[in-house]
Protein backbone atom coordinates (compact mmCIF):
# COMPACT_ATOMS: atom_id res chain seq x y z
CA UNK A 1 0.00 0.00 0.00
CA UNK A 2 1.40 3.37 -1.04
CA UNK A 3 0.52 6.68 0.62
CA UNK A 4 -1.89 7.44 -2.25
CA UNK A 5 -3.52 4.02 -1.90
CA UNK A 6 -3.87 4.58 1.86
CA UNK A 7 -5.59 7.93 1.28
CA UNK A 8 -7.89 6.35 -1.33
CA UNK A 9 -8.77 3.48 1.05
CA UNK A 10 -9.54 5.89 3.89
CA UNK A 11 -11.69 8.08 1.63
CA UNK A 12 -13.58 5.07 0.23
CA UNK A 13 -14.18 3.62 3.69
CA UNK A 14 -15.45 6.97 5.02
CA UNK A 15 -17.77 7.41 2.03
CA UNK A 16 -19.13 3.87 2.34
CA UNK A 17 -19.78 4.30 6.08
CA UNK A 18 -22.56 6.81 5.51
CA UNK A 19 -24.14 7.58 8.88
CA UNK A 20 -22.78 4.45 10.59
CA UNK A 21 -19.80 5.44 12.78
CA UNK A 22 -18.86 1.76 13.28
CA UNK A 23 -17.91 1.57 9.60
CA UNK A 24 -15.61 4.61 9.65
CA UNK A 25 -11.84 4.02 9.58
CA UNK A 26 -10.81 3.07 13.10
CA UNK A 27 -7.23 1.85 12.98
CA UNK A 28 -4.38 1.68 10.48
CA UNK A 29 -2.05 -1.25 11.09
CA UNK A 30 1.32 -1.25 9.37
CA UNK A 31 3.99 -3.94 9.19
CA UNK A 32 7.19 -2.33 10.49
CA UNK A 33 9.31 -2.84 7.33
CA UNK A 34 6.47 -1.41 5.25
CA UNK A 35 6.41 1.61 7.57
CA UNK A 36 10.14 2.21 7.26
CA UNK A 37 10.34 1.85 3.49
CA UNK A 38 6.95 3.14 2.28
CA UNK A 39 4.53 4.74 4.72
CA UNK A 40 6.80 6.75 7.02
CA UNK A 41 6.39 9.64 4.55
CA UNK A 42 2.64 10.08 5.19
CA UNK A 43 3.19 12.68 7.89
CA UNK A 44 1.69 10.87 10.85
CA UNK A 45 1.96 12.82 14.09
CA UNK A 46 2.02 12.05 17.78
CA UNK A 47 0.78 14.93 19.95
CA UNK A 48 0.92 12.92 23.18
CA UNK A 49 1.44 9.41 24.45
CA UNK A 50 -2.30 9.11 25.09
CA UNK A 51 -3.09 10.02 21.47
CA UNK A 52 -0.48 7.75 19.97
CA UNK A 53 0.65 7.95 16.37
CA UNK A 54 -2.14 9.26 14.13
CA UNK A 55 -2.72 9.93 10.46
CA UNK A 56 -5.83 11.90 9.49
CA UNK A 57 -6.90 11.52 13.14
CA UNK A 58 -6.85 7.72 12.81
CA UNK A 59 -4.58 5.81 15.16
CA UNK A 60 -1.64 4.00 13.54
CA UNK A 61 -0.09 0.85 15.04
CA UNK A 62 3.27 -0.23 13.64
CA UNK A 63 4.65 -3.69 14.42
CA UNK A 64 6.46 -6.57 12.79
CA UNK A 65 3.51 -8.74 13.87
CA UNK A 66 0.90 -6.71 11.96
CA UNK A 67 -0.09 -6.58 8.32
CA UNK A 68 -0.66 -3.28 6.53
CA UNK A 69 -4.39 -2.57 6.39
CA UNK A 70 -7.18 -0.25 7.49
CA UNK A 71 -9.74 -1.55 9.98
CA UNK A 72 -13.19 -0.14 10.63
CA UNK A 73 -14.04 1.12 14.09
CA UNK A 74 -16.03 -2.05 14.69
CA UNK A 75 -13.10 -4.25 13.61
CA UNK A 76 -10.55 -2.35 15.67
CA UNK A 77 -12.53 -2.41 18.89
CA UNK A 78 -10.75 -0.46 21.60
CA UNK A 79 -7.40 -0.52 19.79
CA UNK A 80 -8.20 2.58 17.73
CA UNK A 81 -9.99 4.54 20.46
CA UNK A 82 -10.46 7.31 21.25
CA UNK A 83 -11.87 7.98 17.84
CA UNK A 84 -11.89 11.43 16.36
CA UNK A 85 -13.86 12.94 13.56
CA UNK A 86 -11.74 15.50 11.67
CA UNK A 87 -14.93 17.32 10.66
CA UNK A 88 -15.64 18.06 14.34
CA UNK A 89 -12.23 19.60 15.07
CA UNK A 90 -11.87 23.31 15.75
C-alpha atoms as a PDB file:
ATOM      1  CA  UNK A   1       0.000   0.000   0.000  1.00  0.00           C
ATOM      2  CA  UNK A   2       1.396   3.368  -1.042  1.00  0.00           C
ATOM      3  CA  UNK A   3       0.517   6.683   0.620  1.00  0.00           C
ATOM      4  CA  UNK A   4      -1.894   7.436  -2.253  1.00  0.00           C
ATOM      5  CA  UNK A   5      -3.516   4.019  -1.897  1.00  0.00           C
ATOM      6  CA  UNK A   6      -3.874   4.577   1.855  1.00  0.00           C
ATOM      7  CA  UNK A   7      -5.593   7.928   1.277  1.00  0.00           C
ATOM      8  CA  UNK A   8      -7.890   6.350  -1.325  1.00  0.00           C
ATOM      9  CA  UNK A   9      -8.766   3.480   1.047  1.00  0.00           C
ATOM     10  CA  UNK A  10      -9.540   5.892   3.891  1.00  0.00           C
ATOM     11  CA  UNK A  11     -11.694   8.081   1.626  1.00  0.00           C
ATOM     12  CA  UNK A  12     -13.578   5.074   0.234  1.00  0.00           C
ATOM     13  CA  UNK A  13     -14.180   3.623   3.691  1.00  0.00           C
ATOM     14  CA  UNK A  14     -15.452   6.966   5.024  1.00  0.00           C
ATOM     15  CA  UNK A  15     -17.773   7.409   2.034  1.00  0.00           C
ATOM     16  CA  UNK A  16     -19.133   3.866   2.340  1.00  0.00           C
ATOM     17  CA  UNK A  17     -19.778   4.296   6.081  1.00  0.00           C
ATOM     18  CA  UNK A  18     -22.560   6.810   5.509  1.00  0.00           C
ATOM     19  CA  UNK A  19     -24.135   7.582   8.882  1.00  0.00           C
ATOM     20  CA  UNK A  20     -22.777   4.448  10.586  1.00  0.00           C
ATOM     21  CA  UNK A  21     -19.798   5.438  12.785  1.00  0.00           C
ATOM     22  CA  UNK A  22     -18.865   1.762  13.280  1.00  0.00           C
ATOM     23  CA  UNK A  23     -17.914   1.572   9.596  1.00  0.00           C
ATOM     24  CA  UNK A  24     -15.613   4.609   9.653  1.00  0.00           C
ATOM     25  CA  UNK A  25     -11.841   4.015   9.579  1.00  0.00           C
ATOM     26  CA  UNK A  26     -10.812   3.067  13.104  1.00  0.00           C
ATOM     27  CA  UNK A  27      -7.226   1.853  12.978  1.00  0.00           C
ATOM     28  CA  UNK A  28      -4.379   1.683  10.485  1.00  0.00           C
ATOM     29  CA  UNK A  29      -2.051  -1.253  11.086  1.00  0.00           C
ATOM     30  CA  UNK A  30       1.325  -1.252   9.367  1.00  0.00           C
ATOM     31  CA  UNK A  31       3.986  -3.940   9.194  1.00  0.00           C
ATOM     32  CA  UNK A  32       7.194  -2.327  10.486  1.00  0.00           C
ATOM     33  CA  UNK A  33       9.306  -2.840   7.329  1.00  0.00           C
ATOM     34  CA  UNK A  34       6.471  -1.407   5.246  1.00  0.00           C
ATOM     35  CA  UNK A  35       6.413   1.609   7.568  1.00  0.00           C
ATOM     36  CA  UNK A  36      10.141   2.209   7.261  1.00  0.00           C
ATOM     37  CA  UNK A  37      10.342   1.850   3.488  1.00  0.00           C
ATOM     38  CA  UNK A  38       6.952   3.141   2.282  1.00  0.00           C
ATOM     39  CA  UNK A  39       4.527   4.740   4.718  1.00  0.00           C
ATOM     40  CA  UNK A  40       6.802   6.752   7.018  1.00  0.00           C
ATOM     41  CA  UNK A  41       6.394   9.642   4.555  1.00  0.00           C
ATOM     42  CA  UNK A  42       2.643  10.081   5.189  1.00  0.00           C
ATOM     43  CA  UNK A  43       3.188  12.681   7.887  1.00  0.00           C
ATOM     44  CA  UNK A  44       1.692  10.869  10.852  1.00  0.00           C
ATOM     45  CA  UNK A  45       1.960  12.823  14.093  1.00  0.00           C
ATOM     46  CA  UNK A  46       2.017  12.050  17.784  1.00  0.00           C
ATOM     47  CA  UNK A  47       0.781  14.930  19.946  1.00  0.00           C
ATOM     48  CA  UNK A  48       0.916  12.925  23.178  1.00  0.00           C
ATOM     49  CA  UNK A  49       1.444   9.410  24.453  1.00  0.00           C
ATOM     50  CA  UNK A  50      -2.295   9.108  25.090  1.00  0.00           C
ATOM     51  CA  UNK A  51      -3.094  10.021  21.475  1.00  0.00           C
ATOM     52  CA  UNK A  52      -0.476   7.754  19.970  1.00  0.00           C
ATOM     53  CA  UNK A  53       0.646   7.953  16.367  1.00  0.00           C
ATOM     54  CA  UNK A  54      -2.139   9.255  14.131  1.00  0.00           C
ATOM     55  CA  UNK A  55      -2.718   9.934  10.463  1.00  0.00           C
ATOM     56  CA  UNK A  56      -5.827  11.903   9.485  1.00  0.00           C
ATOM     57  CA  UNK A  57      -6.902  11.518  13.138  1.00  0.00           C
ATOM     58  CA  UNK A  58      -6.854   7.716  12.814  1.00  0.00           C
ATOM     59  CA  UNK A  59      -4.579   5.815  15.161  1.00  0.00           C
ATOM     60  CA  UNK A  60      -1.639   3.999  13.536  1.00  0.00           C
ATOM     61  CA  UNK A  61      -0.094   0.855  15.035  1.00  0.00           C
ATOM     62  CA  UNK A  62       3.275  -0.226  13.641  1.00  0.00           C
ATOM     63  CA  UNK A  63       4.646  -3.691  14.417  1.00  0.00           C
ATOM     64  CA  UNK A  64       6.461  -6.574  12.792  1.00  0.00           C
ATOM     65  CA  UNK A  65       3.512  -8.740  13.867  1.00  0.00           C
ATOM     66  CA  UNK A  66       0.900  -6.705  11.957  1.00  0.00           C
ATOM     67  CA  UNK A  67      -0.088  -6.578   8.324  1.00  0.00           C
ATOM     68  CA  UNK A  68      -0.660  -3.282   6.530  1.00  0.00           C
ATOM     69  CA  UNK A  69      -4.390  -2.573   6.394  1.00  0.00           C
ATOM     70  CA  UNK A  70      -7.182  -0.250   7.486  1.00  0.00           C
ATOM     71  CA  UNK A  71      -9.736  -1.547   9.975  1.00  0.00           C
ATOM     72  CA  UNK A  72     -13.185  -0.145  10.625  1.00  0.00           C
ATOM     73  CA  UNK A  73     -14.037   1.118  14.092  1.00  0.00           C
ATOM     74  CA  UNK A  74     -16.030  -2.052  14.689  1.00  0.00           C
ATOM     75  CA  UNK A  75     -13.100  -4.254  13.609  1.00  0.00           C
ATOM     76  CA  UNK A  76     -10.546  -2.350  15.666  1.00  0.00           C
ATOM     77  CA  UNK A  77     -12.525  -2.414  18.890  1.00  0.00           C
ATOM     78  CA  UNK A  78     -10.753  -0.456  21.602  1.00  0.00           C
ATOM     79  CA  UNK A  79      -7.403  -0.520  19.790  1.00  0.00           C
ATOM     80  CA  UNK A  80      -8.198   2.583  17.728  1.00  0.00           C
ATOM     81  CA  UNK A  81      -9.988   4.539  20.455  1.00  0.00           C
ATOM     82  CA  UNK A  82     -10.458   7.310  21.254  1.00  0.00           C
ATOM     83  CA  UNK A  83     -11.871   7.976  17.841  1.00  0.00           C
ATOM     84  CA  UNK A  84     -11.888  11.433  16.360  1.00  0.00           C
ATOM     85  CA  UNK A  85     -13.859  12.940  13.558  1.00  0.00           C
ATOM     86  CA  UNK A  86     -11.737  15.504  11.673  1.00  0.00           C
ATOM     87  CA  UNK A  87     -14.926  17.320  10.663  1.00  0.00           C
ATOM     88  CA  UNK A  88     -15.635  18.061  14.340  1.00  0.00           C
ATOM     89  CA  UNK A  89     -12.227  19.603  15.067  1.00  0.00           C
ATOM     90  CA  UNK A  90     -11.872  23.314  15.746  1.00  0.00           C
END
